[in-house]
């Protein structure tokens, strides 16, 4: 009885191997195909994961910086002390009044 079960398992594995070899062109890098081959991570995959994680960390820092800048701008608008607009306001409103007062 054990030999008949071994034959069935051997046929199933041969079918699995033949199915996995026909997938090559379309889904070569699909996770199921890689799992079928029982591959361990290659050094390239480890490097790629490291790069992707570094990029994700950098992207998060950029997003955090943007959020903090927006937060500062909201505070400045709320307090109406926007330093970048002060010189323009001075030129538009205060300077003409000073010139008129001098004349």
N, C-alpha and C. Protein backbone atom coordinates (compact mmCIF):
# COMPACT_ATOMS: atom_id res chain seq x y z
N UNK A 1 0.81 -1.20 0.00
CA UNK A 1 0.00 0.00 0.00
C UNK A 1 0.84 1.25 0.00
N UNK A 2 1.96 1.22 0.67
CA UNK A 2 2.84 2.37 0.71
C UNK A 2 3.39 2.72 -0.65
N UNK A 3 3.61 1.73 -1.50
CA UNK A 3 4.17 2.00 -2.82
C UNK A 3 3.16 2.71 -3.72
N UNK A 4 1.86 2.41 -3.58
CA UNK A 4 0.86 3.08 -4.40
C UNK A 4 0.73 4.55 -3.99
N UNK A 5 0.82 4.85 -2.70
CA UNK A 5 0.80 6.24 -2.24
C UNK A 5 2.02 6.99 -2.74
N UNK A 6 3.17 6.33 -2.74
CA UNK A 6 4.40 6.96 -3.24
C UNK A 6 4.26 7.30 -4.71
N UNK A 7 3.64 6.40 -5.49
CA UNK A 7 3.45 6.65 -6.93
C UNK A 7 2.54 7.85 -7.14
N UNK A 8 1.47 7.95 -6.36
CA UNK A 8 0.53 9.07 -6.48
C UNK A 8 1.23 10.38 -6.14
N UNK A 9 2.00 10.40 -5.05
CA UNK A 9 2.73 11.61 -4.66
C UNK A 9 3.75 11.99 -5.71
N UNK A 10 4.43 11.00 -6.28
CA UNK A 10 5.44 11.27 -7.31
C UNK A 10 4.79 11.88 -8.54
N UNK A 11 3.61 11.36 -8.94
CA UNK A 11 2.89 11.90 -10.09
C UNK A 11 2.44 13.34 -9.81
N UNK A 12 1.97 13.60 -8.59
CA UNK A 12 1.53 14.96 -8.24
C UNK A 12 2.69 15.94 -8.28
N UNK A 13 3.85 15.53 -7.78
CA UNK A 13 4.99 16.44 -7.81
C UNK A 13 5.47 16.67 -9.24
N UNK A 14 5.40 15.64 -10.08
CA UNK A 14 5.78 15.82 -11.49
C UNK A 14 4.82 16.77 -12.18
N UNK A 15 3.52 16.68 -11.85
CA UNK A 15 2.54 17.60 -12.42
C UNK A 15 2.80 19.02 -11.93
N UNK A 16 3.11 19.18 -10.65
CA UNK A 16 3.42 20.50 -10.10
C UNK A 16 4.64 21.10 -10.80
N UNK A 17 5.67 20.28 -11.02
CA UNK A 17 6.88 20.77 -11.68
C UNK A 17 6.57 21.18 -13.11
N UNK A 18 5.78 20.37 -13.82
CA UNK A 18 5.46 20.71 -15.21
C UNK A 18 4.60 21.97 -15.26
N UNK A 19 3.67 22.14 -14.30
CA UNK A 19 2.85 23.34 -14.27
C UNK A 19 3.69 24.58 -13.97
N UNK A 20 4.61 24.45 -13.04
CA UNK A 20 5.42 25.61 -12.67
C UNK A 20 6.36 26.00 -13.80
N UNK A 21 6.79 25.05 -14.63
CA UNK A 21 7.69 25.40 -15.72
C UNK A 21 6.94 26.07 -16.87
N UNK A 22 5.62 25.85 -16.99
CA UNK A 22 4.86 26.50 -18.05
C UNK A 22 4.51 27.94 -17.69
N UNK A 23 4.61 28.31 -16.44
CA UNK A 23 4.26 29.66 -15.99
C UNK A 23 5.36 30.67 -16.33
N UNK A 24 6.56 30.19 -16.64
CA UNK A 24 7.76 31.02 -16.75
C UNK A 24 7.56 32.37 -17.41
N UNK A 25 6.97 32.44 -18.60
CA UNK A 25 6.96 33.68 -19.36
C UNK A 25 6.09 34.76 -18.73
N UNK A 26 4.91 34.42 -18.24
CA UNK A 26 3.99 35.44 -17.77
C UNK A 26 4.24 35.87 -16.33
N UNK A 27 4.33 34.93 -15.43
CA UNK A 27 4.43 35.26 -14.01
C UNK A 27 5.76 34.82 -13.43
N UNK A 28 6.82 35.16 -14.09
CA UNK A 28 8.13 34.67 -13.68
C UNK A 28 8.48 35.09 -12.26
N UNK A 29 8.12 36.31 -11.91
CA UNK A 29 8.50 36.82 -10.59
C UNK A 29 7.36 36.77 -9.58
N UNK A 30 6.28 36.06 -9.92
CA UNK A 30 5.17 35.98 -8.96
C UNK A 30 5.61 35.21 -7.73
N UNK A 31 5.04 35.56 -6.61
CA UNK A 31 5.46 34.94 -5.35
C UNK A 31 5.12 33.46 -5.33
N UNK A 32 4.02 33.06 -5.95
CA UNK A 32 3.66 31.64 -5.94
C UNK A 32 4.70 30.82 -6.70
N UNK A 33 5.20 31.37 -7.79
CA UNK A 33 6.22 30.65 -8.57
C UNK A 33 7.51 30.52 -7.77
N UNK A 34 7.88 31.56 -7.10
CA UNK A 34 9.10 31.52 -6.28
C UNK A 34 8.91 30.54 -5.13
N UNK A 35 7.71 30.53 -4.52
CA UNK A 35 7.45 29.58 -3.45
C UNK A 35 7.50 28.14 -3.97
N UNK A 36 7.02 27.92 -5.21
CA UNK A 36 7.08 26.58 -5.79
C UNK A 36 8.52 26.11 -5.91
N UNK A 37 9.40 27.01 -6.22
CA UNK A 37 10.80 26.63 -6.40
C UNK A 37 11.56 26.55 -5.08
N UNK A 38 10.93 26.99 -3.98
CA UNK A 38 11.56 26.97 -2.66
C UNK A 38 12.90 27.70 -2.64
N UNK A 39 12.92 28.89 -3.20
CA UNK A 39 14.17 29.67 -3.25
C UNK A 39 14.36 30.42 -1.94
N UNK A 40 15.58 30.53 -1.52
CA UNK A 40 15.91 31.41 -0.40
C UNK A 40 16.18 32.78 -0.98
N UNK A 41 16.17 33.80 -0.11
CA UNK A 41 16.43 35.16 -0.59
C UNK A 41 17.85 35.27 -1.09
N UNK A 42 17.97 35.85 -2.26
CA UNK A 42 19.30 36.07 -2.82
C UNK A 42 19.86 37.37 -2.24
N UNK A 43 21.16 37.58 -2.35
CA UNK A 43 21.74 38.84 -1.87
C UNK A 43 21.12 40.06 -2.56
N UNK A 44 20.75 39.92 -3.83
CA UNK A 44 20.13 41.03 -4.54
C UNK A 44 18.79 41.39 -3.92
N UNK A 45 18.02 40.37 -3.53
CA UNK A 45 16.72 40.64 -2.91
C UNK A 45 16.90 41.32 -1.56
N UNK A 46 17.91 40.90 -0.80
CA UNK A 46 18.17 41.54 0.49
C UNK A 46 18.56 42.99 0.30
N UNK A 47 19.40 43.25 -0.70
CA UNK A 47 19.81 44.63 -0.99
C UNK A 47 18.61 45.45 -1.42
N UNK A 48 17.77 44.86 -2.26
CA UNK A 48 16.58 45.56 -2.73
C UNK A 48 15.64 45.89 -1.57
N UNK A 49 15.46 44.94 -0.65
CA UNK A 49 14.62 45.20 0.52
C UNK A 49 15.21 46.32 1.37
N UNK A 50 16.54 46.32 1.52
CA UNK A 50 17.21 47.37 2.30
C UNK A 50 16.98 48.73 1.65
N UNK A 51 17.12 48.79 0.32
CA UNK A 51 16.93 50.06 -0.40
C UNK A 51 15.48 50.52 -0.26
N UNK A 52 14.55 49.61 -0.43
CA UNK A 52 13.13 49.97 -0.33
C UNK A 52 12.79 50.46 1.07
N UNK A 53 13.33 49.79 2.09
CA UNK A 53 13.04 50.23 3.46
C UNK A 53 13.67 51.60 3.72
N UNK A 54 14.87 51.83 3.20
CA UNK A 54 15.51 53.14 3.34
C UNK A 54 14.71 54.22 2.65
N UNK A 55 14.20 53.91 1.45
CA UNK A 55 13.39 54.86 0.71
C UNK A 55 12.10 55.16 1.48
N UNK A 56 11.50 54.14 2.08
CA UNK A 56 10.28 54.34 2.84
C UNK A 56 10.53 55.23 4.05
N UNK A 57 11.66 55.03 4.73
CA UNK A 57 12.01 55.87 5.88
C UNK A 57 12.22 57.31 5.44
N UNK A 58 12.93 57.49 4.32
CA UNK A 58 13.19 58.84 3.81
C UNK A 58 11.87 59.51 3.44
N UNK A 59 10.99 58.76 2.79
CA UNK A 59 9.70 59.31 2.38
C UNK A 59 8.89 59.73 3.60
N UNK A 60 8.93 58.93 4.66
CA UNK A 60 8.21 59.27 5.90
C UNK A 60 8.78 60.55 6.51
N UNK A 61 10.09 60.69 6.52
CA UNK A 61 10.70 61.92 7.05
C UNK A 61 10.26 63.13 6.24
N UNK A 62 10.22 62.98 4.92
CA UNK A 62 9.78 64.09 4.07
C UNK A 62 8.34 64.46 4.40
N UNK A 63 7.47 63.45 4.53
CA UNK A 63 6.07 63.71 4.86
C UNK A 63 5.95 64.38 6.23
N UNK A 64 6.72 63.91 7.21
CA UNK A 64 6.70 64.53 8.54
C UNK A 64 7.15 65.98 8.48
N UNK A 65 8.18 66.25 7.68
CA UNK A 65 8.68 67.62 7.53
C UNK A 65 7.62 68.50 6.89
N UNK A 66 6.96 67.99 5.86
CA UNK A 66 5.90 68.76 5.21
C UNK A 66 4.77 69.05 6.19
N UNK A 67 4.41 68.05 7.00
CA UNK A 67 3.35 68.25 7.99
C UNK A 67 3.74 69.31 9.00
N UNK A 68 5.00 69.27 9.46
CA UNK A 68 5.42 70.25 10.46
C UNK A 68 5.47 71.66 9.85
N UNK A 69 5.86 71.77 8.59
CA UNK A 69 5.87 73.07 7.92
C UNK A 69 4.45 73.61 7.82
N UNK A 70 3.51 72.74 7.41
CA UNK A 70 2.11 73.17 7.32
C UNK A 70 1.58 73.59 8.69
N UNK A 71 1.98 72.85 9.72
CA UNK A 71 1.54 73.18 11.07
C UNK A 71 2.07 74.55 11.48
N UNK A 72 3.35 74.81 11.19
CA UNK A 72 3.94 76.12 11.50
C UNK A 72 3.22 77.23 10.73
N UNK A 73 2.90 76.97 9.46
CA UNK A 73 2.21 77.98 8.66
C UNK A 73 0.83 78.26 9.23
N UNK A 74 0.12 77.21 9.67
CA UNK A 74 -1.20 77.42 10.27
C UNK A 74 -1.09 78.26 11.54
N UNK A 75 -0.09 77.96 12.37
CA UNK A 75 0.12 78.75 13.59
C UNK A 75 0.41 80.20 13.24
N UNK A 76 1.26 80.40 12.24
CA UNK A 76 1.62 81.76 11.86
C UNK A 76 0.40 82.52 11.34
N UNK A 77 -0.44 81.84 10.54
CA UNK A 77 -1.64 82.50 10.03
C UNK A 77 -2.60 82.82 11.17
N UNK A 78 -2.68 81.90 12.12
CA UNK A 78 -3.56 82.11 13.26
C UNK A 78 -3.10 83.30 14.09
N UNK A 79 -1.80 83.43 14.27
CA UNK A 79 -1.23 84.55 15.02
C UNK A 79 -1.02 85.78 14.15
N UNK A 80 -1.20 85.63 12.86
CA UNK A 80 -1.00 86.70 11.87
C UNK A 80 0.40 87.28 11.94
N UNK A 81 1.35 86.42 12.11
CA UNK A 81 2.75 86.84 12.10
C UNK A 81 3.50 86.01 11.06
N UNK A 82 3.17 86.24 9.81
CA UNK A 82 3.84 85.51 8.74
C UNK A 82 5.04 86.33 8.32
N UNK A 83 6.24 85.91 8.67
CA UNK A 83 7.43 86.72 8.42
C UNK A 83 7.70 86.96 6.94
N UNK A 84 7.34 86.01 6.10
CA UNK A 84 7.63 86.20 4.67
C UNK A 84 6.76 87.29 4.06
N UNK A 85 5.59 87.58 4.65
CA UNK A 85 4.71 88.60 4.09
C UNK A 85 4.94 89.98 4.70
N UNK A 86 5.68 90.07 5.78
CA UNK A 86 5.90 91.35 6.44
C UNK A 86 6.58 92.38 5.52
N UNK A 87 7.67 92.06 4.83
CA UNK A 87 8.30 93.08 3.98
C UNK A 87 7.39 93.57 2.86
N UNK A 88 6.61 92.66 2.26
CA UNK A 88 5.71 93.08 1.19
C UNK A 88 4.63 94.00 1.73
N UNK A 89 4.10 93.69 2.89
CA UNK A 89 3.08 94.53 3.50
C UNK A 89 3.66 95.91 3.83
N UNK A 90 4.88 95.90 4.33
CA UNK A 90 5.54 97.15 4.64
C UNK A 90 5.67 98.02 3.38
N UNK A 91 6.08 97.39 2.27
CA UNK A 91 6.25 98.14 1.02
C UNK A 91 4.92 98.66 0.50
N UNK A 92 3.87 97.84 0.60
CA UNK A 92 2.58 98.23 0.02
C UNK A 92 1.83 99.25 0.88
N UNK A 93 1.84 99.08 2.19
CA UNK A 93 0.97 99.90 3.03
C UNK A 93 1.71 100.97 3.83
N UNK A 94 2.81 100.61 4.44
CA UNK A 94 3.48 101.53 5.35
C UNK A 94 4.31 102.56 4.60
N UNK A 95 5.06 102.13 3.60
CA UNK A 95 5.94 103.06 2.86
C UNK A 95 5.16 104.21 2.22
N UNK A 96 4.05 103.96 1.54
CA UNK A 96 3.33 105.11 0.97
C UNK A 96 2.85 106.10 2.03
N UNK A 97 2.45 105.61 3.19
CA UNK A 97 2.02 106.51 4.26
C UNK A 97 3.20 107.34 4.79
N UNK A 98 4.37 106.70 4.93
CA UNK A 98 5.55 107.43 5.38
C UNK A 98 5.93 108.51 4.38
N UNK A 99 5.90 108.15 3.11
CA UNK A 99 6.26 109.11 2.06
C UNK A 99 5.26 110.27 2.06
N UNK A 100 3.98 109.96 2.22
CA UNK A 100 2.96 111.01 2.25
C UNK A 100 3.14 111.90 3.48
N UNK A 101 3.51 111.32 4.61
CA UNK A 101 3.71 112.10 5.83
C UNK A 101 4.93 113.00 5.70
N UNK A 102 5.98 112.52 5.02
CA UNK A 102 7.19 113.32 4.85
C UNK A 102 6.92 114.49 3.91
N UNK A 103 6.17 114.23 2.85
CA UNK A 103 5.88 115.29 1.88
C UNK A 103 4.90 116.25 2.49
